[in-house]
Amino acid sequence: MGRHYSGDIDGKFWVAVQPSDAADRFGCPGMTPSYLEYYFDEDNIQEVRDEIKNIENAIDVDKLNGFFDDAGWYSQEDLEKAKITHDELTEYADLCLGKKILKCLEENGDCSFTAEC
């Protein structure tokens, strides 16, 4: 059973890789108790872009894109064979989330969603 987020963007957090509060790093802390509520607006666009750039500078995006283009499901052995660390995997998962947030902001001017804890 996975944790989901829904609202202006929808998706599923990566199991055992990505925490429910992953979107906090893009400049807007979630609100608790059992769900994290996120609301981004045009004032957050630069911060989201900056954090996406930070992630892209920290990992080999081409290697990870190539791995996930070829792999649907993957195992720890697959990751080890591709020399992808848990930290890289976490960063990549957050990069995917950040890109969804940015796209939503650029298309709509704001982006809100609820994330399961």
PDB file of N, CA and C in Angstrom:
ATOM      1  N   MET A   1       0.839  -1.170   0.000  1.00  0.00           N
ATOM      2  CA  MET A   1       0.000   0.000   0.000  1.00  0.00           C
ATOM      3  C   MET A   1       0.886   1.236   0.000  1.00  0.00           C
ATOM      4  N   GLY A   2       0.676   2.117  -0.953  1.00  0.00           N
ATOM      5  CA  GLY A   2       1.490   3.309  -1.058  1.00  0.00           C
ATOM      6  C   GLY A   2       0.768   4.541  -0.567  1.00  0.00           C
ATOM      7  N   ARG A   3       1.534   5.593  -0.446  1.00  0.00           N
ATOM      8  CA  ARG A   3       0.973   6.890  -0.052  1.00  0.00           C
ATOM      9  C   ARG A   3       0.835   7.736  -1.299  1.00  0.00           C
ATOM     10  N   HIS A   4      -0.262   8.439  -1.402  1.00  0.00           N
ATOM     11  CA  HIS A   4      -0.570   9.225  -2.586  1.00  0.00           C
ATOM     12  C   HIS A   4      -0.633  10.709  -2.255  1.00  0.00           C
ATOM     13  N   TYR A   5      -0.533  11.511  -3.296  1.00  0.00           N
ATOM     14  CA  TYR A   5      -0.865  12.924  -3.180  1.00  0.00           C
ATOM     15  C   TYR A   5      -1.860  13.230  -4.292  1.00  0.00           C
ATOM     16  N   SER A   6      -2.757  14.168  -4.014  1.00  0.00           N
ATOM     17  CA  SER A   6      -3.786  14.489  -4.998  1.00  0.00           C
ATOM     18  C   SER A   6      -4.203  15.939  -4.861  1.00  0.00           C
ATOM     19  N   GLY A   7      -4.732  16.478  -5.918  1.00  0.00           N
ATOM     20  CA  GLY A   7      -5.131  17.876  -5.981  1.00  0.00           C
ATOM     21  C   GLY A   7      -4.858  18.367  -7.380  1.00  0.00           C
ATOM     22  N   ASP A   8      -4.179  19.504  -7.506  1.00  0.00           N
ATOM     23  CA  ASP A   8      -3.821  20.005  -8.832  1.00  0.00           C
ATOM     24  C   ASP A   8      -2.824  19.084  -9.526  1.00  0.00           C
ATOM     25  N   ILE A   9      -2.036  18.363  -8.745  1.00  0.00           N
ATOM     26  CA  ILE A   9      -1.177  17.307  -9.282  1.00  0.00           C
ATOM     27  C   ILE A   9      -1.485  16.037  -8.502  1.00  0.00           C
ATOM     28  N   ASP A  10      -1.333  14.905  -9.132  1.00  0.00           N
ATOM     29  CA  ASP A  10      -1.612  13.615  -8.511  1.00  0.00           C
ATOM     30  C   ASP A  10      -0.417  12.707  -8.709  1.00  0.00           C
ATOM     31  N   GLY A  11      -0.209  11.823  -7.766  1.00  0.00           N
ATOM     32  CA  GLY A  11       0.864  10.853  -7.903  1.00  0.00           C
ATOM     33  C   GLY A  11       0.982  10.004  -6.665  1.00  0.00           C
ATOM     34  N   LYS A  12       2.001   9.195  -6.669  1.00  0.00           N
ATOM     35  CA  LYS A  12       2.253   8.269  -5.570  1.00  0.00           C
ATOM     36  C   LYS A  12       3.698   8.445  -5.135  1.00  0.00           C
ATOM     37  N   PHE A  13       3.896   8.569  -3.827  1.00  0.00           N
ATOM     38  CA  PHE A  13       5.256   8.655  -3.313  1.00  0.00           C
ATOM     39  C   PHE A  13       5.962   7.317  -3.503  1.00  0.00           C
ATOM     40  N   TRP A  14       7.244   7.391  -3.762  1.00  0.00           N
ATOM     41  CA  TRP A  14       8.030   6.185  -3.976  1.00  0.00           C
ATOM     42  C   TRP A  14       8.165   5.438  -2.654  1.00  0.00           C
ATOM     43  N   VAL A  15       7.779   4.169  -2.651  1.00  0.00           N
ATOM     44  CA  VAL A  15       7.790   3.343  -1.448  1.00  0.00           C
ATOM     45  C   VAL A  15       9.220   3.159  -0.948  1.00  0.00           C
ATOM     46  N   ALA A  16       9.412   3.382   0.331  1.00  0.00           N
ATOM     47  CA  ALA A  16      10.694   3.203   1.013  1.00  0.00           C
ATOM     48  C   ALA A  16      11.789   4.114   0.472  1.00  0.00           C
ATOM     49  N   VAL A  17      11.410   5.135  -0.291  1.00  0.00           N
ATOM     50  CA  VAL A  17      12.387   6.047  -0.876  1.00  0.00           C
ATOM     51  C   VAL A  17      12.042   7.492  -0.541  1.00  0.00           C
ATOM     52  N   GLN A  18      10.774   7.842  -0.630  1.00  0.00           N
ATOM     53  CA  GLN A  18      10.371   9.244  -0.589  1.00  0.00           C
ATOM     54  C   GLN A  18       9.388   9.477   0.560  1.00  0.00           C
ATOM     55  N   PRO A  19       9.700  10.422   1.449  1.00  0.00           N
ATOM     56  CA  PRO A  19       8.779  10.710   2.552  1.00  0.00           C
ATOM     57  C   PRO A  19       7.577  11.529   2.067  1.00  0.00           C
ATOM     58  N   SER A  20       6.528  11.513   2.866  1.00  0.00           N
ATOM     59  CA  SER A  20       5.313  12.260   2.521  1.00  0.00           C
ATOM     60  C   SER A  20       5.558  13.756   2.443  1.00  0.00           C
ATOM     61  N   ASP A  21       6.539  14.245   3.168  1.00  0.00           N
ATOM     62  CA  ASP A  21       6.804  15.681   3.165  1.00  0.00           C
ATOM     63  C   ASP A  21       7.881  16.084   2.153  1.00  0.00           C
ATOM     64  N   ALA A  22       8.071  15.286   1.116  1.00  0.00           N
ATOM     65  CA  ALA A  22       9.108  15.565   0.116  1.00  0.00           C
ATOM     66  C   ALA A  22       8.936  16.939  -0.528  1.00  0.00           C
ATOM     67  N   ALA A  23       7.709  17.409  -0.673  1.00  0.00           N
ATOM     68  CA  ALA A  23       7.474  18.704  -1.325  1.00  0.00           C
ATOM     69  C   ALA A  23       7.916  19.876  -0.450  1.00  0.00           C
ATOM     70  N   ASP A  24       8.172  19.653   0.843  1.00  0.00           N
ATOM     71  CA  ASP A  24       8.655  20.725   1.726  1.00  0.00           C
ATOM     72  C   ASP A  24       9.909  21.384   1.161  1.00  0.00           C
ATOM     73  N   ARG A  25      10.752  20.600   0.518  1.00  0.00           N
ATOM     74  CA  ARG A  25      12.039  21.112   0.059  1.00  0.00           C
ATOM     75  C   ARG A  25      11.902  22.138  -1.054  1.00  0.00           C
ATOM     76  N   PHE A  26      10.709  22.248  -1.638  1.00  0.00           N
ATOM     77  CA  PHE A  26      10.497  23.204  -2.716  1.00  0.00           C
ATOM     78  C   PHE A  26       9.933  24.526  -2.212  1.00  0.00           C
ATOM     79  N   GLY A  27       9.971  24.745  -0.879  1.00  0.00           N
ATOM     80  CA  GLY A  27       9.711  26.068  -0.328  1.00  0.00           C
ATOM     81  C   GLY A  27       8.367  26.301   0.309  1.00  0.00           C
ATOM     82  N   CYS A  28       7.564  25.272   0.452  1.00  0.00           N
ATOM     83  CA  CYS A  28       6.248  25.444   1.064  1.00  0.00           C
ATOM     84  C   CYS A  28       6.004  24.261   1.986  1.00  0.00           C
ATOM     85  N   PRO A  29       6.126  24.458   3.304  1.00  0.00           N
ATOM     86  CA  PRO A  29       5.944  23.325   4.210  1.00  0.00           C
ATOM     87  C   PRO A  29       4.493  22.848   4.245  1.00  0.00           C
ATOM     88  N   GLY A  30       4.333  21.527   4.305  1.00  0.00           N
ATOM     89  CA  GLY A  30       3.001  20.937   4.412  1.00  0.00           C
ATOM     90  C   GLY A  30       2.421  21.153   5.795  1.00  0.00           C
ATOM     91  N   MET A  31       1.114  21.069   5.869  1.00  0.00           N
ATOM     92  CA  MET A  31       0.427  21.225   7.146  1.00  0.00           C
ATOM     93  C   MET A  31      -0.144  19.873   7.562  1.00  0.00           C
ATOM     94  N   THR A  32      -0.015  19.528   8.811  1.00  0.00           N
ATOM     95  CA  THR A  32      -0.462  18.229   9.311  1.00  0.00           C
ATOM     96  C   THR A  32      -1.827  18.378   9.975  1.00  0.00           C
ATOM     97  N   PRO A  33      -2.552  17.382  10.389  1.00  0.00           N
ATOM     98  CA  PRO A  33      -2.141  16.200  11.117  1.00  0.00           C
ATOM     99  C   PRO A  33      -2.010  14.930  10.271  1.00  0.00           C
ATOM    100  N   SER A  34      -3.073  14.422   9.646  1.00  0.00           N
ATOM    101  CA  SER A  34      -2.947  13.135   8.953  1.00  0.00           C
ATOM    102  C   SER A  34      -2.649  13.297   7.463  1.00  0.00           C
ATOM    103  N   TYR A  35      -2.799  14.484   6.977  1.00  0.00           N
ATOM    104  CA  TYR A  35      -2.467  14.799   5.596  1.00  0.00           C
ATOM    105  C   TYR A  35      -1.620  16.060   5.586  1.00  0.00           C
ATOM    106  N   LEU A  36      -0.749  16.151   4.617  1.00  0.00           N
ATOM    107  CA  LEU A  36       0.003  17.384   4.409  1.00  0.00           C
ATOM    108  C   LEU A  36      -0.693  18.149   3.296  1.00  0.00           C
ATOM    109  N   GLU A  37      -1.048  19.370   3.572  1.00  0.00           N
ATOM    110  CA  GLU A  37      -1.714  20.222   2.590  1.00  0.00           C
ATOM    111  C   GLU A  37      -0.658  21.164   2.001  1.00  0.00           C
ATOM    112  N   TYR A  38      -0.557  21.185   0.681  1.00  0.00           N
ATOM    113  CA  TYR A  38       0.406  22.047   0.009  1.00  0.00           C
ATOM    114  C   TYR A  38      -0.316  23.045  -0.881  1.00  0.00           C
ATOM    115  N   TYR A  39       0.149  24.276  -0.841  1.00  0.00           N
ATOM    116  CA  TYR A  39      -0.338  25.302  -1.757  1.00  0.00           C
ATOM    117  C   TYR A  39       0.862  26.122  -2.219  1.00  0.00           C
ATOM    118  N   PHE A  40       1.141  26.057  -3.505  1.00  0.00           N
ATOM    119  CA  PHE A  40       2.204  26.832  -4.130  1.00  0.00           C
ATOM    120  C   PHE A  40       1.533  27.855  -5.034  1.00  0.00           C
ATOM    121  N   ASP A  41       2.132  29.042  -5.122  1.00  0.00           N
ATOM    122  CA  ASP A  41       1.629  30.025  -6.077  1.00  0.00           C
ATOM    123  C   ASP A  41       2.813  30.617  -6.835  1.00  0.00           C
ATOM    124  N   GLU A  42       2.533  31.624  -7.636  1.00  0.00           N
ATOM    125  CA  GLU A  42       3.580  32.196  -8.490  1.00  0.00           C
ATOM    126  C   GLU A  42       4.792  32.683  -7.702  1.00  0.00           C
ATOM    127  N   ASP A  43       4.589  33.060  -6.437  1.00  0.00           N
ATOM    128  CA  ASP A  43       5.709  33.497  -5.596  1.00  0.00           C
ATOM    129  C   ASP A  43       6.703  32.371  -5.329  1.00  0.00           C
ATOM    130  N   ASN A  44       6.288  31.110  -5.518  1.00  0.00           N
ATOM    131  CA  ASN A  44       7.145  29.962  -5.247  1.00  0.00           C
ATOM    132  C   ASN A  44       7.901  29.459  -6.473  1.00  0.00           C
ATOM    133  N   ILE A  45       7.587  29.999  -7.657  1.00  0.00           N
ATOM    134  CA  ILE A  45       8.153  29.440  -8.892  1.00  0.00           C
ATOM    135  C   ILE A  45       9.678  29.443  -8.873  1.00  0.00           C
ATOM    136  N   GLN A  46      10.294  30.549  -8.505  1.00  0.00           N
ATOM    137  CA  GLN A  46      11.759  30.600  -8.541  1.00  0.00           C
ATOM    138  C   GLN A  46      12.369  29.623  -7.542  1.00  0.00           C
ATOM    139  N   GLU A  47      11.790  29.517  -6.374  1.00  0.00           N
ATOM    140  CA  GLU A  47      12.312  28.577  -5.376  1.00  0.00           C
ATOM    141  C   GLU A  47      12.194  27.132  -5.861  1.00  0.00           C
ATOM    142  N   VAL A  48      11.091  26.800  -6.517  1.00  0.00           N
ATOM    143  CA  VAL A  48      10.925  25.459  -7.079  1.00  0.00           C
ATOM    144  C   VAL A  48      11.978  25.229  -8.167  1.00  0.00           C
ATOM    145  N   ARG A  49      12.142  26.201  -9.056  1.00  0.00           N
ATOM    146  CA  ARG A  49      13.169  26.074 -10.118  1.00  0.00           C
ATOM    147  C   ARG A  49      14.563  25.905  -9.527  1.00  0.00           C
ATOM    148  N   ASP A  50      14.861  26.687  -8.493  1.00  0.00           N
ATOM    149  CA  ASP A  50      16.182  26.608  -7.862  1.00  0.00           C
ATOM    150  C   ASP A  50      16.428  25.231  -7.253  1.00  0.00           C
ATOM    151  N   GLU A  51      15.414  24.689  -6.590  1.00  0.00           N
ATOM    152  CA  GLU A  51      15.600  23.372  -5.963  1.00  0.00           C
ATOM    153  C   GLU A  51      15.709  22.281  -7.011  1.00  0.00           C
ATOM    154  N   ILE A  52      14.960  22.393  -8.095  1.00  0.00           N
ATOM    155  CA  ILE A  52      15.105  21.440  -9.202  1.00  0.00           C
ATOM    156  C   ILE A  52      16.538  21.487  -9.726  1.00  0.00           C
ATOM    157  N   LYS A  53      17.070  22.687  -9.913  1.00  0.00           N
ATOM    158  CA  LYS A  53      18.445  22.845 -10.392  1.00  0.00           C
ATOM    159  C   LYS A  53      19.442  22.235  -9.402  1.00  0.00           C
ATOM    160  N   ASN A  54      19.224  22.458  -8.101  1.00  0.00           N
ATOM    161  CA  ASN A  54      20.097  21.864  -7.083  1.00  0.00           C
ATOM    162  C   ASN A  54      20.126  20.345  -7.200  1.00  0.00           C
ATOM    163  N   ILE A  55      18.949  19.756  -7.382  1.00  0.00           N
ATOM    164  CA  ILE A  55      18.879  18.296  -7.502  1.00  0.00           C
ATOM    165  C   ILE A  55      19.591  17.856  -8.779  1.00  0.00           C
ATOM    166  N   GLU A  56      19.317  18.532  -9.884  1.00  0.00           N
ATOM    167  CA  GLU A  56      19.936  18.159 -11.160  1.00  0.00           C
ATOM    168  C   GLU A  56      21.461  18.265 -11.093  1.00  0.00           C
ATOM    169  N   ASN A  57      21.973  19.205 -10.312  1.00  0.00           N
ATOM    170  CA  ASN A  57      23.420  19.345 -10.153  1.00  0.00           C
ATOM    171  C   ASN A  57      24.007  18.283  -9.235  1.00  0.00           C
ATOM    172  N   ALA A  58      23.168  17.681  -8.407  1.00  0.00           N
ATOM    173  CA  ALA A  58      23.655  16.719  -7.412  1.00  0.00           C
ATOM    174  C   ALA A  58      23.678  15.275  -7.913  1.00  0.00           C
ATOM    175  N   ILE A  59      22.927  14.989  -8.970  1.00  0.00           N
ATOM    176  CA  ILE A  59      22.841  13.610  -9.457  1.00  0.00           C
ATOM    177  C   ILE A  59      23.079  13.560 -10.959  1.00  0.00           C
ATOM    178  N   ASP A  60      23.319  12.362 -11.460  1.00  0.00           N
ATOM    179  CA  ASP A  60      23.473  12.131 -12.898  1.00  0.00           C
ATOM    180  C   ASP A  60      22.079  11.847 -13.461  1.00  0.00           C
ATOM    181  N   VAL A  61      21.389  12.900 -13.862  1.00  0.00           N
ATOM    182  CA  VAL A  61      20.006  12.787 -14.321  1.00  0.00           C
ATOM    183  C   VAL A  61      19.910  11.886 -15.554  1.00  0.00           C
ATOM    184  N   ASP A  62      20.860  11.988 -16.467  1.00  0.00           N
ATOM    185  CA  ASP A  62      20.821  11.170 -17.677  1.00  0.00           C
ATOM    186  C   ASP A  62      20.885   9.680 -17.337  1.00  0.00           C
ATOM    187  N   LYS A  63      21.741   9.318 -16.376  1.00  0.00           N
ATOM    188  CA  LYS A  63      21.859   7.917 -15.961  1.00  0.00           C
ATOM    189  C   LYS A  63      20.532   7.432 -15.387  1.00  0.00           C
ATOM    190  N   LEU A  64      19.933   8.243 -14.529  1.00  0.00           N
ATOM    191  CA  LEU A  64      18.675   7.836 -13.898  1.00  0.00           C
ATOM    192  C   LEU A  64      17.530   7.828 -14.902  1.00  0.00           C
ATOM    193  N   ASN A  65      17.475   8.815 -15.792  1.00  0.00           N
ATOM    194  CA  ASN A  65      16.439   8.801 -16.834  1.00  0.00           C
ATOM    195  C   ASN A  65      16.564   7.543 -17.683  1.00  0.00           C
ATOM    196  N   GLY A  66      17.795   7.209 -18.066  1.00  0.00           N
ATOM    197  CA  GLY A  66      18.024   6.009 -18.865  1.00  0.00           C
ATOM    198  C   GLY A  66      17.599   4.749 -18.143  1.00  0.00           C
ATOM    199  N   PHE A  67      17.920   4.675 -16.862  1.00  0.00           N
ATOM    200  CA  PHE A  67      17.541   3.503 -16.068  1.00  0.00           C
ATOM    201  C   PHE A  67      16.024   3.359 -16.029  1.00  0.00           C
ATOM    202  N   PHE A  68      15.319   4.448 -15.752  1.00  0.00           N
ATOM    203  CA  PHE A  68      13.867   4.365 -15.618  1.00  0.00           C
ATOM    204  C   PHE A  68      13.152   4.289 -16.955  1.00  0.00           C
ATOM    205  N   ASP A  69      13.799   4.730 -18.041  1.00  0.00           N
ATOM    206  CA  ASP A  69      13.222   4.522 -19.368  1.00  0.00           C
ATOM    207  C   ASP A  69      13.202   3.037 -19.701  1.00  0.00           C
ATOM    208  N   ASP A  70      14.227   2.313 -19.234  1.00  0.00           N
ATOM    209  CA  ASP A  70      14.356   0.888 -19.532  1.00  0.00           C
ATOM    210  C   ASP A  70      13.674  -0.005 -18.511  1.00  0.00           C
ATOM    211  N   ALA A  71      13.505   0.479 -17.274  1.00  0.00           N
ATOM    212  CA  ALA A  71      12.986  -0.372 -16.200  1.00  0.00           C
ATOM    213  C   ALA A  71      11.587   0.076 -15.791  1.00  0.00           C
ATOM    214  N   GLY A  72      10.694  -0.872 -15.720  1.00  0.00           N
ATOM    215  CA  GLY A  72       9.393  -0.586 -15.125  1.00  0.00           C
ATOM    216  C   GLY A  72       9.540  -0.819 -13.626  1.00  0.00           C
ATOM    217  N   TRP A  73       9.520  -2.048 -13.249  1.00  0.00           N
ATOM    218  CA  TRP A  73       9.794  -2.430 -11.866  1.00  0.00           C
ATOM    219  C   TRP A  73      11.286  -2.676 -11.740  1.00  0.00           C
ATOM    220  N   TYR A  74      11.808  -2.466 -10.568  1.00  0.00           N
ATOM    221  CA  TYR A  74      13.241  -2.668 -10.367  1.00  0.00           C
ATOM    222  C   TYR A  74      13.458  -3.241  -8.980  1.00  0.00           C
ATOM    223  N   SER A  75      14.584  -3.887  -8.830  1.00  0.00           N
ATOM    224  CA  SER A  75      14.955  -4.469  -7.545  1.00  0.00           C
ATOM    225  C   SER A  75      16.203  -3.766  -7.014  1.00  0.00           C
ATOM    226  N   GLN A  76      16.534  -4.053  -5.795  1.00  0.00           N
ATOM    227  CA  GLN A  76      17.766  -3.520  -5.227  1.00  0.00           C
ATOM    228  C   GLN A  76      18.963  -3.988  -6.057  1.00  0.00           C
ATOM    229  N   GLU A  77      18.885  -5.220  -6.541  1.00  0.00           N
ATOM    230  CA  GLU A  77      19.963  -5.754  -7.382  1.00  0.00           C
ATOM    231  C   GLU A  77      20.094  -4.942  -8.677  1.00  0.00           C
ATOM    232  N   ASP A  78      18.957  -4.577  -9.278  1.00  0.00           N
ATOM    233  CA  ASP A  78      18.990  -3.749 -10.487  1.00  0.00           C
ATOM    234  C   ASP A  78      19.659  -2.406 -10.214  1.00  0.00           C
ATOM    235  N   LEU A  79      19.326  -1.805  -9.075  1.00  0.00           N
ATOM    236  CA  LEU A  79      19.922  -0.520  -8.700  1.00  0.00           C
ATOM    237  C   LEU A  79      21.422  -0.658  -8.489  1.00  0.00           C
ATOM    238  N   GLU A  80      21.828  -1.724  -7.793  1.00  0.00           N
ATOM    239  CA  GLU A  80      23.250  -1.946  -7.542  1.00  0.00           C
ATOM    240  C   GLU A  80      24.003  -2.168  -8.849  1.00  0.00           C
ATOM    241  N   LYS A  81      23.402  -2.917  -9.759  1.00  0.00           N
ATOM    242  CA  LYS A  81      24.027  -3.183 -11.054  1.00  0.00           C
ATOM    243  C   LYS A  81      24.204  -1.869 -11.831  1.00  0.00           C
ATOM    244  N   ALA A  82      23.230  -0.984 -11.732  1.00  0.00           N
ATOM    245  CA  ALA A  82      23.302   0.300 -12.428  1.00  0.00           C
ATOM    246  C   ALA A  82      24.090   1.343 -11.631  1.00  0.00           C
ATOM    247  N   LYS A  83      24.588   0.945 -10.452  1.00  0.00           N
ATOM    248  CA  LYS A  83      25.352   1.829  -9.561  1.00  0.00           C
ATOM    249  C   LYS A  83      24.548   3.077  -9.177  1.00  0.00           C
ATOM    250  N   ILE A  84      23.280   2.837  -8.809  1.00  0.00           N
ATOM    251  CA  ILE A  84      22.398   3.898  -8.340  1.00  0.00           C
ATOM    252  C   ILE A  84      22.236   3.734  -6.834  1.00  0.00           C
ATOM    253  N   THR A  85      22.626   4.751  -6.098  1.00  0.00           N
ATOM    254  CA  THR A  85      22.540   4.696  -4.640  1.00  0.00           C
ATOM    255  C   THR A  85      21.130   5.080  -4.169  1.00  0.00           C
ATOM    256  N   HIS A  86      20.857   4.764  -2.917  1.00  0.00           N
ATOM    257  CA  HIS A  86      19.566   5.140  -2.322  1.00  0.00           C
ATOM    258  C   HIS A  86      19.405   6.662  -2.322  1.00  0.00           C
ATOM    259  N   ASP A  87      20.486   7.379  -2.040  1.00  0.00           N
ATOM    260  CA  ASP A  87      20.413   8.846  -2.048  1.00  0.00           C
ATOM    261  C   ASP A  87      20.079   9.382  -3.438  1.00  0.00           C
ATOM    262  N   GLU A  88      20.693   8.806  -4.476  1.00  0.00           N
ATOM    263  CA  GLU A  88      20.386   9.231  -5.843  1.00  0.00           C
ATOM    264  C   GLU A  88      18.923   8.945  -6.179  1.00  0.00           C
ATOM    265  N   LEU A  89      18.449   7.788  -5.738  1.00  0.00           N
ATOM    266  CA  LEU A  89      17.065   7.408  -5.993  1.00  0.00           C
ATOM    267  C   LEU A  89      16.096   8.375  -5.312  1.00  0.00           C
ATOM    268  N   THR A  90      16.406   8.747  -4.082  1.00  0.00           N
ATOM    269  CA  THR A  90      15.583   9.703  -3.349  1.00  0.00           C
ATOM    270  C   THR A  90      15.581  11.057  -4.045  1.00  0.00           C
ATOM    271  N   GLU A  91      16.740  11.517  -4.447  1.00  0.00           N
ATOM    272  CA  GLU A  91      16.838  12.791  -5.146  1.00  0.00           C
ATOM    273  C   GLU A  91      16.053  12.759  -6.456  1.00  0.00           C
ATOM    274  N   TYR A  92      16.145  11.661  -7.173  1.00  0.00           N
ATOM    275  CA  TYR A  92      15.442  11.534  -8.453  1.00  0.00           C
ATOM    276  C   TYR A  92      13.924  11.545  -8.247  1.00  0.00           C
ATOM    277  N   ALA A  93      13.464  10.851  -7.220  1.00  0.00           N
ATOM    278  CA  ALA A  93      12.028  10.849  -6.911  1.00  0.00           C
ATOM    279  C   ALA A  93      11.560  12.272  -6.611  1.00  0.00           C
ATOM    280  N   ASP A  94      12.349  13.010  -5.825  1.00  0.00           N
ATOM    281  CA  ASP A  94      11.996  14.394  -5.511  1.00  0.00           C
ATOM    282  C   ASP A  94      12.057  15.281  -6.753  1.00  0.00           C
ATOM    283  N   LEU A  95      13.002  15.017  -7.646  1.00  0.00           N
ATOM    284  CA  LEU A  95      13.091  15.767  -8.892  1.00  0.00           C
ATOM    285  C   LEU A  95      11.809  15.598  -9.708  1.00  0.00           C
ATOM    286  N   CYS A  96      11.314  14.373  -9.783  1.00  0.00           N
ATOM    287  CA  CYS A  96      10.071  14.118 -10.519  1.00  0.00           C
ATOM    288  C   CYS A  96       8.914  14.892  -9.895  1.00  0.00           C
ATOM    289  N   LEU A  97       8.842  14.908  -8.571  1.00  0.00           N
ATOM    290  CA  LEU A  97       7.797  15.668  -7.872  1.00  0.00           C
ATOM    291  C   LEU A  97       7.950  17.165  -8.140  1.00  0.00           C
ATOM    292  N   GLY A  98       9.152  17.672  -8.025  1.00  0.00           N
ATOM    293  CA  GLY A  98       9.398  19.086  -8.259  1.00  0.00           C
ATOM    294  C   GLY A  98       9.010  19.515  -9.663  1.00  0.00           C
ATOM    295  N   LYS A  99       9.287  18.668 -10.646  1.00  0.00           N
ATOM    296  CA  LYS A  99       8.922  18.993 -12.027  1.00  0.00           C
ATOM    297  C   LYS A  99       7.408  19.034 -12.201  1.00  0.00           C
ATOM    298  N   LYS A 100       6.696  18.145 -11.504  1.00  0.00           N
ATOM    299  CA  LYS A 100       5.232  18.184 -11.557  1.00  0.00           C
ATOM    300  C   LYS A 100       4.710  19.482 -10.949  1.00  0.00           C
ATOM    301  N   ILE A 101       5.277  19.870  -9.822  1.00  0.00           N
ATOM    302  CA  ILE A 101       4.866  21.114  -9.159  1.00  0.00           C
ATOM    303  C   ILE A 101       5.112  22.299 -10.084  1.00  0.00           C
ATOM    304  N   LEU A 102       6.306  22.364 -10.677  1.00  0.00           N
ATOM    305  CA  LEU A 102       6.657  23.477 -11.554  1.00  0.00           C
ATOM    306  C   LEU A 102       5.738  23.541 -12.771  1.00  0.00           C
ATOM    307  N   LYS A 103       5.497  22.413 -13.387  1.00  0.00           N
ATOM    308  CA  LYS A 103       4.615  22.379 -14.562  1.00  0.00           C
ATOM    309  C   LYS A 103       3.222  22.892 -14.194  1.00  0.00           C
ATOM    310  N   CYS A 104       2.706  22.460 -13.068  1.00  0.00           N
ATOM    311  CA  CYS A 104       1.396  22.905 -12.603  1.00  0.00           C
ATOM    312  C   CYS A 104       1.397  24.415 -12.366  1.00  0.00           C
ATOM    313  N   LEU A 105       2.444  24.919 -11.730  1.00  0.00           N
ATOM    314  CA  LEU A 105       2.546  26.359 -11.481  1.00  0.00           C
ATOM    315  C   LEU A 105       2.592  27.146 -12.788  1.00  0.00           C
ATOM    316  N   GLU A 106       3.384  26.675 -13.730  1.00  0.00           N
ATOM    317  CA  GLU A 106       3.527  27.384 -14.997  1.00  0.00           C
ATOM    318  C   GLU A 106       2.229  27.370 -15.810  1.00  0.00           C
ATOM    319  N   GLU A 107       1.486  26.273 -15.713  1.00  0.00           N
ATOM    320  CA  GLU A 107       0.253  26.155 -16.483  1.00  0.00           C
ATOM    321  C   GLU A 107      -0.940  26.842 -15.812  1.00  0.00           C
ATOM    322  N   ASN A 108      -0.965  26.859 -14.462  1.00  0.00           N
ATOM    323  CA  ASN A 108      -2.147  27.325 -13.734  1.00  0.00           C
ATOM    324  C   ASN A 108      -1.935  28.540 -12.860  1.00  0.00           C
ATOM    325  N   GLY A 109      -0.679  28.875 -12.562  1.00  0.00           N
ATOM    326  CA  GLY A 109      -0.407  29.991 -11.668  1.00  0.00           C
ATOM    327  C   GLY A 109      -0.383  29.614 -10.201  1.00  0.00           C
ATOM    328  N   ASP A 110      -0.942  28.456  -9.872  1.00  0.00           N
ATOM    329  CA  ASP A 110      -0.850  27.934  -8.512  1.00  0.00           C
ATOM    330  C   ASP A 110      -0.946  26.407  -8.583  1.00  0.00           C
ATOM    331  N   CYS A 111      -0.649  25.783  -7.472  1.00  0.00           N
ATOM    332  CA  CYS A 111      -0.648  24.332  -7.403  1.00  0.00           C
ATOM    333  C   CYS A 111      -0.935  23.921  -5.972  1.00  0.00           C
ATOM    334  N   SER A 112      -1.993  23.179  -5.761  1.00  0.00           N
ATOM    335  CA  SER A 112      -2.289  22.690  -4.412  1.00  0.00           C
ATOM    336  C   SER A 112      -2.555  21.193  -4.480  1.00  0.00           C
ATOM    337  N   PHE A 113      -2.148  20.528  -3.427  1.00  0.00           N
ATOM    338  CA  PHE A 113      -2.407  19.091  -3.334  1.00  0.00           C
ATOM    339  C   PHE A 113      -2.304  18.646  -1.885  1.00  0.00           C
ATOM    340  N   THR A 114      -2.881  17.485  -1.633  1.00  0.00           N
ATOM    341  CA  THR A 114      -2.860  16.877  -0.321  1.00  0.00           C
ATOM    342  C   THR A 114      -2.032  15.610  -0.402  1.00  0.00           C
ATOM    343  N   ALA A 115      -1.144  15.416   0.563  1.00  0.00           N
ATOM    344  CA  ALA A 115      -0.285  14.241   0.591  1.00  0.00           C
ATOM    345  C   ALA A 115      -0.612  13.408   1.822  1.00  0.00           C
ATOM    346  N   GLU A 116      -0.779  12.107   1.623  1.00  0.00           N
ATOM    347  CA  GLU A 116      -1.016  11.202   2.744  1.00  0.00           C
ATOM    348  C   GLU A 116       0.250  11.084   3.585  1.00  0.00           C
ATOM    349  N   CYS A 117       0.086  11.015   4.884  1.00  0.00           N
ATOM    350  CA  CYS A 117       1.238  10.822   5.777  1.00  0.00           C
ATOM    351  C   CYS A 117       1.460   9.353   6.043  1.00  0.00           C
TER     352      CYS A 117
END
